[in-house]
Amino acid sequence: MFEKDLNVGYLLDFYGELLSERKRSVLDAYYNEDYSLAEIAADMGISRQGVRNLIKKAESELFFYEEKLGLAKKLMQVEKHTDSLLQLMKHTNLSQEITDELLLLTQVVKE
C-alpha cells in the first residue's frame, strides 16, 4: 500500500477540471471520500492495481499542473500574507506595517 499525499486533495480543488472524468472521480473517491482501493475497484469494475495506476497517473498530472502554473502555492502565499495583515490590523495602529504587508500581498498575486 502507498501513503496518501494530502496535498493531492488540495491540488484536486485547483486542477481537477483538467483531469479526465475517470481520473477525477477516482481521486475524489480516494482522497475526499476516503474510499479504499478495493472499494473503488469494486465500484469501477477494475482491479485494485488498475485503481492504483489511475491514482498515480492523475497525481502526476496534478503535480505537473502545479509545477507549471503554481496556483496552489500562490494562494497559500496570499493566505499567509492576508493572515499577517489581519493580525497587524488587530494589534497595531502602525500604518507603515500594514502598507508593507499589502505590498507583499500585491507582489505575490502578480507573480
PDB file of N, CA and C in Angstrom:
ATOM      1  N   MET A   1       0.839  -1.188   0.000  1.00  0.00           N
ATOM      2  CA  MET A   1       0.000   0.000   0.000  1.00  0.00           C
ATOM      3  C   MET A   1       0.878   1.244   0.000  1.00  0.00           C
ATOM      4  N   PHE A   2       0.411   2.311  -0.561  1.00  0.00           N
ATOM      5  CA  PHE A   2       1.196   3.531  -0.611  1.00  0.00           C
ATOM      6  C   PHE A   2       0.546   4.612   0.247  1.00  0.00           C
ATOM      7  N   GLU A   3       1.360   5.547   0.682  1.00  0.00           N
ATOM      8  CA  GLU A   3       0.903   6.621   1.559  1.00  0.00           C
ATOM      9  C   GLU A   3       0.125   7.668   0.752  1.00  0.00           C
ATOM     10  N   LYS A   4      -0.897   8.202   1.368  1.00  0.00           N
ATOM     11  CA  LYS A   4      -1.651   9.282   0.740  1.00  0.00           C
ATOM     12  C   LYS A   4      -0.901  10.592   0.922  1.00  0.00           C
ATOM     13  N   ASP A   5      -0.767  11.328  -0.156  1.00  0.00           N
ATOM     14  CA  ASP A   5      -0.191  12.677  -0.111  1.00  0.00           C
ATOM     15  C   ASP A   5      -1.377  13.630  -0.005  1.00  0.00           C
ATOM     16  N   LEU A   6      -1.571  14.192   1.171  1.00  0.00           N
ATOM     17  CA  LEU A   6      -2.757  15.005   1.410  1.00  0.00           C
ATOM     18  C   LEU A   6      -2.785  16.290   0.589  1.00  0.00           C
ATOM     19  N   ASN A   7      -1.647  16.680   0.022  1.00  0.00           N
ATOM     20  CA  ASN A   7      -1.626  17.834  -0.865  1.00  0.00           C
ATOM     21  C   ASN A   7      -2.403  17.573  -2.152  1.00  0.00           C
ATOM     22  N   VAL A   8      -2.556  16.307  -2.494  1.00  0.00           N
ATOM     23  CA  VAL A   8      -3.262  15.966  -3.731  1.00  0.00           C
ATOM     24  C   VAL A   8      -4.714  16.434  -3.662  1.00  0.00           C
ATOM     25  N   GLY A   9      -5.358  16.276  -2.521  1.00  0.00           N
ATOM     26  CA  GLY A   9      -6.731  16.754  -2.370  1.00  0.00           C
ATOM     27  C   GLY A   9      -6.830  18.249  -2.592  1.00  0.00           C
ATOM     28  N   TYR A  10      -5.829  18.966  -2.105  1.00  0.00           N
ATOM     29  CA  TYR A  10      -5.776  20.415  -2.293  1.00  0.00           C
ATOM     30  C   TYR A  10      -5.583  20.757  -3.774  1.00  0.00           C
ATOM     31  N   LEU A  11      -4.658  20.046  -4.428  1.00  0.00           N
ATOM     32  CA  LEU A  11      -4.419  20.283  -5.860  1.00  0.00           C
ATOM     33  C   LEU A  11      -5.631  19.893  -6.699  1.00  0.00           C
ATOM     34  N   LEU A  12      -6.350  18.891  -6.245  1.00  0.00           N
ATOM     35  CA  LEU A  12      -7.550  18.464  -6.963  1.00  0.00           C
ATOM     36  C   LEU A  12      -8.576  19.597  -7.026  1.00  0.00           C
ATOM     37  N   ASP A  13      -8.646  20.406  -5.978  1.00  0.00           N
ATOM     38  CA  ASP A  13      -9.551  21.560  -5.984  1.00  0.00           C
ATOM     39  C   ASP A  13      -9.177  22.557  -7.073  1.00  0.00           C
ATOM     40  N   PHE A  14      -7.891  22.730  -7.314  1.00  0.00           N
ATOM     41  CA  PHE A  14      -7.434  23.691  -8.309  1.00  0.00           C
ATOM     42  C   PHE A  14      -7.509  23.153  -9.730  1.00  0.00           C
ATOM     43  N   TYR A  15      -7.037  21.949  -9.920  1.00  0.00           N
ATOM     44  CA  TYR A  15      -6.817  21.433 -11.269  1.00  0.00           C
ATOM     45  C   TYR A  15      -7.694  20.239 -11.637  1.00  0.00           C
ATOM     46  N   GLY A  16      -8.616  19.886 -10.794  1.00  0.00           N
ATOM     47  CA  GLY A  16      -9.450  18.708 -11.040  1.00  0.00           C
ATOM     48  C   GLY A  16     -10.182  18.736 -12.362  1.00  0.00           C
ATOM     49  N   GLU A  17     -10.621  19.906 -12.771  1.00  0.00           N
ATOM     50  CA  GLU A  17     -11.371  20.021 -14.030  1.00  0.00           C
ATOM     51  C   GLU A  17     -10.490  19.736 -15.246  1.00  0.00           C
ATOM     52  N   LEU A  18      -9.184  19.762 -15.072  1.00  0.00           N
ATOM     53  CA  LEU A  18      -8.275  19.478 -16.183  1.00  0.00           C
ATOM     54  C   LEU A  18      -8.063  17.973 -16.377  1.00  0.00           C
ATOM     55  N   LEU A  19      -8.458  17.190 -15.392  1.00  0.00           N
ATOM     56  CA  LEU A  19      -8.324  15.729 -15.477  1.00  0.00           C
ATOM     57  C   LEU A  19      -9.527  15.140 -16.207  1.00  0.00           C
ATOM     58  N   SER A  20      -9.343  13.926 -16.706  1.00  0.00           N
ATOM     59  CA  SER A  20     -10.486  13.220 -17.284  1.00  0.00           C
ATOM     60  C   SER A  20     -11.485  12.928 -16.157  1.00  0.00           C
ATOM     61  N   GLU A  21     -12.728  12.726 -16.525  1.00  0.00           N
ATOM     62  CA  GLU A  21     -13.770  12.434 -15.526  1.00  0.00           C
ATOM     63  C   GLU A  21     -13.408  11.201 -14.704  1.00  0.00           C
ATOM     64  N   ARG A  22     -12.863  10.217 -15.357  1.00  0.00           N
ATOM     65  CA  ARG A  22     -12.498   8.964 -14.672  1.00  0.00           C
ATOM     66  C   ARG A  22     -11.412   9.211 -13.628  1.00  0.00           C
ATOM     67  N   LYS A  23     -10.354   9.915 -14.003  1.00  0.00           N
ATOM     68  CA  LYS A  23      -9.277  10.201 -13.058  1.00  0.00           C
ATOM     69  C   LYS A  23      -9.763  11.084 -11.914  1.00  0.00           C
ATOM     70  N   ARG A  24     -10.568  12.080 -12.259  1.00  0.00           N
ATOM     71  CA  ARG A  24     -11.088  12.990 -11.240  1.00  0.00           C
ATOM     72  C   ARG A  24     -11.955  12.238 -10.233  1.00  0.00           C
ATOM     73  N   SER A  25     -12.813  11.359 -10.720  1.00  0.00           N
ATOM     74  CA  SER A  25     -13.705  10.633  -9.808  1.00  0.00           C
ATOM     75  C   SER A  25     -12.931   9.656  -8.924  1.00  0.00           C
ATOM     76  N   VAL A  26     -11.887   9.044  -9.472  1.00  0.00           N
ATOM     77  CA  VAL A  26     -11.066   8.132  -8.663  1.00  0.00           C
ATOM     78  C   VAL A  26     -10.345   8.903  -7.569  1.00  0.00           C
ATOM     79  N   LEU A  27      -9.736  10.035  -7.919  1.00  0.00           N
ATOM     80  CA  LEU A  27      -9.045  10.835  -6.899  1.00  0.00           C
ATOM     81  C   LEU A  27     -10.023  11.366  -5.864  1.00  0.00           C
ATOM     82  N   ASP A  28     -11.187  11.791  -6.300  1.00  0.00           N
ATOM     83  CA  ASP A  28     -12.182  12.289  -5.357  1.00  0.00           C
ATOM     84  C   ASP A  28     -12.595  11.189  -4.379  1.00  0.00           C
ATOM     85  N   ALA A  29     -12.851  10.003  -4.896  1.00  0.00           N
ATOM     86  CA  ALA A  29     -13.234   8.891  -4.024  1.00  0.00           C
ATOM     87  C   ALA A  29     -12.119   8.543  -3.048  1.00  0.00           C
ATOM     88  N   TYR A  30     -10.894   8.541  -3.520  1.00  0.00           N
ATOM     89  CA  TYR A  30      -9.766   8.132  -2.693  1.00  0.00           C
ATOM     90  C   TYR A  30      -9.390   9.190  -1.658  1.00  0.00           C
ATOM     91  N   TYR A  31      -9.297  10.448  -2.073  1.00  0.00           N
ATOM     92  CA  TYR A  31      -8.832  11.500  -1.168  1.00  0.00           C
ATOM     93  C   TYR A  31      -9.952  12.195  -0.399  1.00  0.00           C
ATOM     94  N   ASN A  32     -11.052  12.480  -1.053  1.00  0.00           N
ATOM     95  CA  ASN A  32     -12.114  13.237  -0.389  1.00  0.00           C
ATOM     96  C   ASN A  32     -13.136  12.353   0.309  1.00  0.00           C
ATOM     97  N   GLU A  33     -13.437  11.217  -0.280  1.00  0.00           N
ATOM     98  CA  GLU A  33     -14.414  10.302   0.314  1.00  0.00           C
ATOM     99  C   GLU A  33     -13.759   9.218   1.159  1.00  0.00           C
ATOM    100  N   ASP A  34     -12.440   9.109   1.087  1.00  0.00           N
ATOM    101  CA  ASP A  34     -11.642   8.142   1.858  1.00  0.00           C
ATOM    102  C   ASP A  34     -12.022   6.684   1.560  1.00  0.00           C
ATOM    103  N   TYR A  35     -12.348   6.415   0.298  1.00  0.00           N
ATOM    104  CA  TYR A  35     -12.611   5.035  -0.108  1.00  0.00           C
ATOM    105  C   TYR A  35     -11.285   4.296  -0.232  1.00  0.00           C
ATOM    106  N   SER A  36     -11.337   3.009  -0.002  1.00  0.00           N
ATOM    107  CA  SER A  36     -10.140   2.184  -0.179  1.00  0.00           C
ATOM    108  C   SER A  36      -9.975   1.841  -1.653  1.00  0.00           C
ATOM    109  N   LEU A  37      -8.790   1.348  -2.001  1.00  0.00           N
ATOM    110  CA  LEU A  37      -8.558   0.902  -3.376  1.00  0.00           C
ATOM    111  C   LEU A  37      -9.554  -0.187  -3.755  1.00  0.00           C
ATOM    112  N   ALA A  38      -9.815  -1.102  -2.827  1.00  0.00           N
ATOM    113  CA  ALA A  38     -10.742  -2.206  -3.086  1.00  0.00           C
ATOM    114  C   ALA A  38     -12.161  -1.691  -3.340  1.00  0.00           C
ATOM    115  N   GLU A  39     -12.598  -0.709  -2.561  1.00  0.00           N
ATOM    116  CA  GLU A  39     -13.943  -0.155  -2.744  1.00  0.00           C
ATOM    117  C   GLU A  39     -14.069   0.540  -4.102  1.00  0.00           C
ATOM    118  N   ILE A  40     -13.051   1.304  -4.460  1.00  0.00           N
ATOM    119  CA  ILE A  40     -13.081   1.997  -5.750  1.00  0.00           C
ATOM    120  C   ILE A  40     -13.045   0.982  -6.882  1.00  0.00           C
ATOM    121  N   ALA A  41     -12.211  -0.036  -6.737  1.00  0.00           N
ATOM    122  CA  ALA A  41     -12.104  -1.083  -7.758  1.00  0.00           C
ATOM    123  C   ALA A  41     -13.450  -1.772  -7.974  1.00  0.00           C
ATOM    124  N   ALA A  42     -14.136  -2.080  -6.876  1.00  0.00           N
ATOM    125  CA  ALA A  42     -15.441  -2.740  -6.985  1.00  0.00           C
ATOM    126  C   ALA A  42     -16.453  -1.831  -7.681  1.00  0.00           C
ATOM    127  N   ASP A  43     -16.450  -0.547  -7.352  1.00  0.00           N
ATOM    128  CA  ASP A  43     -17.375   0.404  -7.979  1.00  0.00           C
ATOM    129  C   ASP A  43     -17.105   0.562  -9.470  1.00  0.00           C
ATOM    130  N   MET A  44     -15.830   0.531  -9.851  1.00  0.00           N
ATOM    131  CA  MET A  44     -15.462   0.778 -11.249  1.00  0.00           C
ATOM    132  C   MET A  44     -15.359  -0.488 -12.079  1.00  0.00           C
ATOM    133  N   GLY A  45     -15.340  -1.622 -11.407  1.00  0.00           N
ATOM    134  CA  GLY A  45     -15.220  -2.884 -12.133  1.00  0.00           C
ATOM    135  C   GLY A  45     -13.826  -3.136 -12.684  1.00  0.00           C
ATOM    136  N   ILE A  46     -12.801  -2.631 -11.979  1.00  0.00           N
ATOM    137  CA  ILE A  46     -11.415  -2.872 -12.377  1.00  0.00           C
ATOM    138  C   ILE A  46     -10.644  -3.396 -11.168  1.00  0.00           C
ATOM    139  N   SER A  47      -9.409  -3.774 -11.385  1.00  0.00           N
ATOM    140  CA  SER A  47      -8.597  -4.316 -10.292  1.00  0.00           C
ATOM    141  C   SER A  47      -8.100  -3.207  -9.373  1.00  0.00           C
ATOM    142  N   ARG A  48      -7.656  -3.608  -8.186  1.00  0.00           N
ATOM    143  CA  ARG A  48      -7.051  -2.649  -7.256  1.00  0.00           C
ATOM    144  C   ARG A  48      -5.814  -2.023  -7.886  1.00  0.00           C
ATOM    145  N   GLN A  49      -5.037  -2.832  -8.616  1.00  0.00           N
ATOM    146  CA  GLN A  49      -3.848  -2.309  -9.290  1.00  0.00           C
ATOM    147  C   GLN A  49      -4.231  -1.284 -10.351  1.00  0.00           C
ATOM    148  N   GLY A  50      -5.329  -1.530 -11.032  1.00  0.00           N
ATOM    149  CA  GLY A  50      -5.815  -0.563 -12.018  1.00  0.00           C
ATOM    150  C   GLY A  50      -6.186   0.757 -11.364  1.00  0.00           C
ATOM    151  N   VAL A  51      -6.814   0.694 -10.196  1.00  0.00           N
ATOM    152  CA  VAL A  51      -7.155   1.903  -9.452  1.00  0.00           C
ATOM    153  C   VAL A  51      -5.887   2.627  -9.024  1.00  0.00           C
ATOM    154  N   ARG A  52      -4.932   1.867  -8.493  1.00  0.00           N
ATOM    155  CA  ARG A  52      -3.674   2.463  -8.045  1.00  0.00           C
ATOM    156  C   ARG A  52      -2.970   3.165  -9.212  1.00  0.00           C
ATOM    157  N   ASN A  53      -2.946   2.523 -10.374  1.00  0.00           N
ATOM    158  CA  ASN A  53      -2.325   3.137 -11.552  1.00  0.00           C
ATOM    159  C   ASN A  53      -3.030   4.432 -11.962  1.00  0.00           C
ATOM    160  N   LEU A  54      -4.366   4.421 -11.926  1.00  0.00           N
ATOM    161  CA  LEU A  54      -5.120   5.641 -12.246  1.00  0.00           C
ATOM    162  C   LEU A  54      -4.798   6.758 -11.263  1.00  0.00           C
ATOM    163  N   ILE A  55      -4.717   6.415  -9.985  1.00  0.00           N
ATOM    164  CA  ILE A  55      -4.401   7.413  -8.959  1.00  0.00           C
ATOM    165  C   ILE A  55      -3.024   8.003  -9.210  1.00  0.00           C
ATOM    166  N   LYS A  56      -2.053   7.149  -9.464  1.00  0.00           N
ATOM    167  CA  LYS A  56      -0.682   7.631  -9.688  1.00  0.00           C
ATOM    168  C   LYS A  56      -0.598   8.513 -10.933  1.00  0.00           C
ATOM    169  N   LYS A  57      -1.261   8.129 -12.002  1.00  0.00           N
ATOM    170  CA  LYS A  57      -1.253   8.943 -13.223  1.00  0.00           C
ATOM    171  C   LYS A  57      -1.923  10.293 -12.980  1.00  0.00           C
ATOM    172  N   ALA A  58      -3.056  10.285 -12.300  1.00  0.00           N
ATOM    173  CA  ALA A  58      -3.776  11.529 -12.023  1.00  0.00           C
ATOM    174  C   ALA A  58      -2.960  12.427 -11.093  1.00  0.00           C
ATOM    175  N   GLU A  59      -2.331  11.840 -10.080  1.00  0.00           N
ATOM    176  CA  GLU A  59      -1.473  12.625  -9.185  1.00  0.00           C
ATOM    177  C   GLU A  59      -0.346  13.290  -9.966  1.00  0.00           C
ATOM    178  N   SER A  60       0.278  12.527 -10.853  1.00  0.00           N
ATOM    179  CA  SER A  60       1.360  13.078 -11.668  1.00  0.00           C
ATOM    180  C   SER A  60       0.884  14.267 -12.495  1.00  0.00           C
ATOM    181  N   GLU A  61      -0.318  14.160 -13.052  1.00  0.00           N
ATOM    182  CA  GLU A  61      -0.868  15.277 -13.819  1.00  0.00           C
ATOM    183  C   GLU A  61      -1.078  16.502 -12.933  1.00  0.00           C
ATOM    184  N   LEU A  62      -1.627  16.298 -11.739  1.00  0.00           N
ATOM    185  CA  LEU A  62      -1.859  17.419 -10.832  1.00  0.00           C
ATOM    186  C   LEU A  62      -0.545  18.100 -10.441  1.00  0.00           C
ATOM    187  N   PHE A  63       0.467  17.297 -10.124  1.00  0.00           N
ATOM    188  CA  PHE A  63       1.767  17.873  -9.755  1.00  0.00           C
ATOM    189  C   PHE A  63       2.391  18.619 -10.944  1.00  0.00           C
ATOM    190  N   PHE A  64       2.184  18.114 -12.149  1.00  0.00           N
ATOM    191  CA  PHE A  64       2.673  18.790 -13.347  1.00  0.00           C
ATOM    192  C   PHE A  64       2.005  20.158 -13.493  1.00  0.00           C
ATOM    193  N   TYR A  65       0.682  20.193 -13.353  1.00  0.00           N
ATOM    194  CA  TYR A  65      -0.036  21.462 -13.470  1.00  0.00           C
ATOM    195  C   TYR A  65       0.433  22.455 -12.409  1.00  0.00           C
ATOM    196  N   GLU A  66       0.628  21.979 -11.192  1.00  0.00           N
ATOM    197  CA  GLU A  66       1.079  22.877 -10.133  1.00  0.00           C
ATOM    198  C   GLU A  66       2.490  23.381 -10.407  1.00  0.00           C
ATOM    199  N   GLU A  67       3.351  22.518 -10.924  1.00  0.00           N
ATOM    200  CA  GLU A  67       4.718  22.932 -11.260  1.00  0.00           C
ATOM    201  C   GLU A  67       4.707  24.028 -12.316  1.00  0.00           C
ATOM    202  N   LYS A  68       3.845  23.887 -13.303  1.00  0.00           N
ATOM    203  CA  LYS A  68       3.799  24.855 -14.404  1.00  0.00           C
ATOM    204  C   LYS A  68       3.028  26.125 -14.052  1.00  0.00           C
ATOM    205  N   LEU A  69       1.924  25.987 -13.307  1.00  0.00           N
ATOM    206  CA  LEU A  69       1.050  27.130 -13.047  1.00  0.00           C
ATOM    207  C   LEU A  69       1.228  27.727 -11.650  1.00  0.00           C
ATOM    208  N   GLY A  70       1.486  26.901 -10.666  1.00  0.00           N
ATOM    209  CA  GLY A  70       1.745  27.369  -9.310  1.00  0.00           C
ATOM    210  C   GLY A  70       0.574  28.040  -8.614  1.00  0.00           C
ATOM    211  N   LEU A  71      -0.651  27.731  -8.992  1.00  0.00           N
ATOM    212  CA  LEU A  71      -1.812  28.400  -8.407  1.00  0.00           C
ATOM    213  C   LEU A  71      -1.999  28.082  -6.931  1.00  0.00           C
ATOM    214  N   ALA A  72      -1.811  26.840  -6.562  1.00  0.00           N
ATOM    215  CA  ALA A  72      -1.992  26.456  -5.157  1.00  0.00           C
ATOM    216  C   ALA A  72      -0.949  27.139  -4.277  1.00  0.00           C
ATOM    217  N   LYS A  73       0.277  27.177  -4.736  1.00  0.00           N
ATOM    218  CA  LYS A  73       1.346  27.838  -3.975  1.00  0.00           C
ATOM    219  C   LYS A  73       1.051  29.328  -3.821  1.00  0.00           C
ATOM    220  N   LYS A  74       0.608  29.953  -4.890  1.00  0.00           N
ATOM    221  CA  LYS A  74       0.292  31.380  -4.822  1.00  0.00           C
ATOM    222  C   LYS A  74      -0.849  31.652  -3.851  1.00  0.00           C
ATOM    223  N   LEU A  75      -1.857  30.801  -3.874  1.00  0.00           N
ATOM    224  CA  LEU A  75      -2.970  31.004  -2.949  1.00  0.00           C
ATOM    225  C   LEU A  75      -2.496  30.860  -1.505  1.00  0.00           C
ATOM    226  N   MET A  76      -1.637  29.889  -1.246  1.00  0.00           N
ATOM    227  CA  MET A  76      -1.107  29.724   0.114  1.00  0.00           C
ATOM    228  C   MET A  76      -0.330  30.969   0.545  1.00  0.00           C
ATOM    229  N   GLN A  77       0.437  31.547  -0.371  1.00  0.00           N
ATOM    230  CA  GLN A  77       1.175  32.769  -0.054  1.00  0.00           C
ATOM    231  C   GLN A  77       0.221  33.931   0.208  1.00  0.00           C
ATOM    232  N   VAL A  78      -0.808  34.037  -0.597  1.00  0.00           N
ATOM    233  CA  VAL A  78      -1.796  35.097  -0.400  1.00  0.00           C
ATOM    234  C   VAL A  78      -2.470  34.926   0.962  1.00  0.00           C
ATOM    235  N   GLU A  79      -2.830  33.703   1.299  1.00  0.00           N
ATOM    236  CA  GLU A  79      -3.468  33.447   2.588  1.00  0.00           C
ATOM    237  C   GLU A  79      -2.534  33.794   3.747  1.00  0.00           C
ATOM    238  N   LYS A  80      -1.264  33.457   3.608  1.00  0.00           N
ATOM    239  CA  LYS A  80      -0.283  33.765   4.656  1.00  0.00           C
ATOM    240  C   LYS A  80      -0.173  35.271   4.869  1.00  0.00           C
ATOM    241  N   HIS A  81      -0.038  36.014   3.790  1.00  0.00           N
ATOM    242  CA  HIS A  81       0.091  37.465   3.905  1.00  0.00           C
ATOM    243  C   HIS A  81      -1.212  38.115   4.371  1.00  0.00           C
ATOM    244  N   THR A  82      -2.316  37.553   3.959  1.00  0.00           N
ATOM    245  CA  THR A  82      -3.605  38.072   4.418  1.00  0.00           C
ATOM    246  C   THR A  82      -3.766  37.857   5.917  1.00  0.00           C
ATOM    247  N   ASP A  83      -3.376  36.671   6.394  1.00  0.00           N
ATOM    248  CA  ASP A  83      -3.426  36.409   7.830  1.00  0.00           C
ATOM    249  C   ASP A  83      -2.531  37.376   8.596  1.00  0.00           C
ATOM    250  N   SER A  84      -1.339  37.614   8.084  1.00  0.00           N
ATOM    251  CA  SER A  84      -0.427  38.566   8.718  1.00  0.00           C
ATOM    252  C   SER A  84      -1.036  39.959   8.748  1.00  0.00           C
ATOM    253  N   LEU A  85      -1.648  40.330   7.651  1.00  0.00           N
ATOM    254  CA  LEU A  85      -2.274  41.645   7.567  1.00  0.00           C
ATOM    255  C   LEU A  85      -3.404  41.770   8.589  1.00  0.00           C
ATOM    256  N   LEU A  86      -4.205  40.750   8.699  1.00  0.00           N
ATOM    257  CA  LEU A  86      -5.297  40.787   9.672  1.00  0.00           C
ATOM    258  C   LEU A  86      -4.768  40.898  11.097  1.00  0.00           C
ATOM    259  N   GLN A  87      -3.691  40.169  11.396  1.00  0.00           N
ATOM    260  CA  GLN A  87      -3.094  40.260  12.732  1.00  0.00           C
ATOM    261  C   GLN A  87      -2.555  41.661  12.997  1.00  0.00           C
ATOM    262  N   LEU A  88      -1.899  42.236  12.014  1.00  0.00           N
ATOM    263  CA  LEU A  88      -1.391  43.599  12.175  1.00  0.00           C
ATOM    264  C   LEU A  88      -2.527  44.589  12.418  1.00  0.00           C
ATOM    265  N   MET A  89      -3.591  44.416  11.691  1.00  0.00           N
ATOM    266  CA  MET A  89      -4.714  45.330  11.837  1.00  0.00           C
ATOM    267  C   MET A  89      -5.346  45.212  13.224  1.00  0.00           C
ATOM    268  N   LYS A  90      -5.340  44.018  13.799  1.00  0.00           N
ATOM    269  CA  LYS A  90      -5.936  43.809  15.114  1.00  0.00           C
ATOM    270  C   LYS A  90      -5.056  44.338  16.244  1.00  0.00           C
ATOM    271  N   HIS A  91      -3.743  44.260  16.073  1.00  0.00           N
ATOM    272  CA  HIS A  91      -2.831  44.512  17.187  1.00  0.00           C
ATOM    273  C   HIS A  91      -1.979  45.765  17.086  1.00  0.00           C
ATOM    274  N   THR A  92      -2.161  46.551  16.060  1.00  0.00           N
ATOM    275  CA  THR A  92      -1.315  47.724  15.942  1.00  0.00           C
ATOM    276  C   THR A  92      -2.009  48.836  15.173  1.00  0.00           C
ATOM    277  N   ASN A  93      -1.524  50.008  15.387  1.00  0.00           N
ATOM    278  CA  ASN A  93      -2.022  51.161  14.629  1.00  0.00           C
ATOM    279  C   ASN A  93      -0.954  51.672  13.668  1.00  0.00           C
ATOM    280  N   LEU A  94       0.108  50.933  13.489  1.00  0.00           N
ATOM    281  CA  LEU A  94       1.210  51.370  12.637  1.00  0.00           C
ATOM    282  C   LEU A  94       0.844  51.138  11.174  1.00  0.00           C
ATOM    283  N   SER A  95       0.502  52.192  10.499  1.00  0.00           N
ATOM    284  CA  SER A  95       0.038  52.068   9.122  1.00  0.00           C
ATOM    285  C   SER A  95       1.152  51.642   8.162  1.00  0.00           C
ATOM    286  N   GLN A  96       2.412  51.921   8.478  1.00  0.00           N
ATOM    287  CA  GLN A  96       3.513  51.523   7.601  1.00  0.00           C
ATOM    288  C   GLN A  96       3.628  49.998   7.531  1.00  0.00           C
ATOM    289  N   GLU A  97       3.450  49.317   8.640  1.00  0.00           N
ATOM    290  CA  GLU A  97       3.499  47.850   8.638  1.00  0.00           C
ATOM    291  C   GLU A  97       2.377  47.278   7.780  1.00  0.00           C
ATOM    292  N   ILE A  98       1.224  47.856   7.888  1.00  0.00           N
ATOM    293  CA  ILE A  98       0.086  47.392   7.085  1.00  0.00           C
ATOM    294  C   ILE A  98       0.352  47.655   5.606  1.00  0.00           C
ATOM    295  N   THR A  99       0.890  48.810   5.300  1.00  0.00           N
ATOM    296  CA  THR A  99       1.221  49.143   3.917  1.00  0.00           C
ATOM    297  C   THR A  99       2.255  48.175   3.350  1.00  0.00           C
ATOM    298  N   ASP A 100       3.279  47.850   4.121  1.00  0.00           N
ATOM    299  CA  ASP A 100       4.313  46.902   3.680  1.00  0.00           C
ATOM    300  C   ASP A 100       3.710  45.527   3.406  1.00  0.00           C
ATOM    301  N   GLU A 101       2.830  45.084   4.274  1.00  0.00           N
ATOM    302  CA  GLU A 101       2.208  43.770   4.091  1.00  0.00           C
ATOM    303  C   GLU A 101       1.313  43.764   2.858  1.00  0.00           C
ATOM    304  N   LEU A 102       0.607  44.831   2.626  1.00  0.00           N
ATOM    305  CA  LEU A 102      -0.215  44.938   1.417  1.00  0.00           C
ATOM    306  C   LEU A 102       0.644  44.888   0.155  1.00  0.00           C
ATOM    307  N   LEU A 103       1.798  45.520   0.195  1.00  0.00           N
ATOM    308  CA  LEU A 103       2.708  45.468  -0.958  1.00  0.00           C
ATOM    309  C   LEU A 103       3.192  44.045  -1.218  1.00  0.00           C
ATOM    310  N   LEU A 104       3.508  43.317  -0.166  1.00  0.00           N
ATOM    311  CA  LEU A 104       3.919  41.922  -0.323  1.00  0.00           C
ATOM    312  C   LEU A 104       2.790  41.089  -0.932  1.00  0.00           C
ATOM    313  N   LEU A 105       1.597  41.298  -0.443  1.00  0.00           N
ATOM    314  CA  LEU A 105       0.439  40.575  -0.961  1.00  0.00           C
ATOM    315  C   LEU A 105       0.221  40.871  -2.443  1.00  0.00           C
ATOM    316  N   THR A 106       0.357  42.114  -2.818  1.00  0.00           N
ATOM    317  CA  THR A 106       0.206  42.520  -4.210  1.00  0.00           C
ATOM    318  C   THR A 106       1.266  41.862  -5.098  1.00  0.00           C
ATOM    319  N   GLN A 107       2.503  41.800  -4.614  1.00  0.00           N
ATOM    320  CA  GLN A 107       3.572  41.167  -5.391  1.00  0.00           C
ATOM    321  C   GLN A 107       3.294  39.692  -5.610  1.00  0.00           C
ATOM    322  N   VAL A 108       2.801  39.007  -4.602  1.00  0.00           N
ATOM    323  CA  VAL A 108       2.511  37.573  -4.730  1.00  0.00           C
ATOM    324  C   VAL A 108       1.427  37.340  -5.781  1.00  0.00           C
ATOM    325  N   VAL A 109       0.409  38.163  -5.778  1.00  0.00           N
ATOM    326  CA  VAL A 109      -0.699  37.992  -6.721  1.00  0.00           C
ATOM    327  C   VAL A 109      -0.226  38.235  -8.157  1.00  0.00           C
ATOM    328  N   LYS A 110       0.699  39.162  -8.354  1.00  0.00           N
ATOM    329  CA  LYS A 110       1.163  39.494  -9.702  1.00  0.00           C
ATOM    330  C   LYS A 110       2.171  38.491 -10.252  1.00  0.00           C
ATOM    331  N   GLU A 111       2.793  37.688  -9.415  1.00  0.00           N
ATOM    332  CA  GLU A 111       3.804  36.710  -9.885  1.00  0.00           C
ATOM    333  C   GLU A 111       3.212  35.675 -10.782  1.00  0.00           C
TER     334      GLU A 111
END
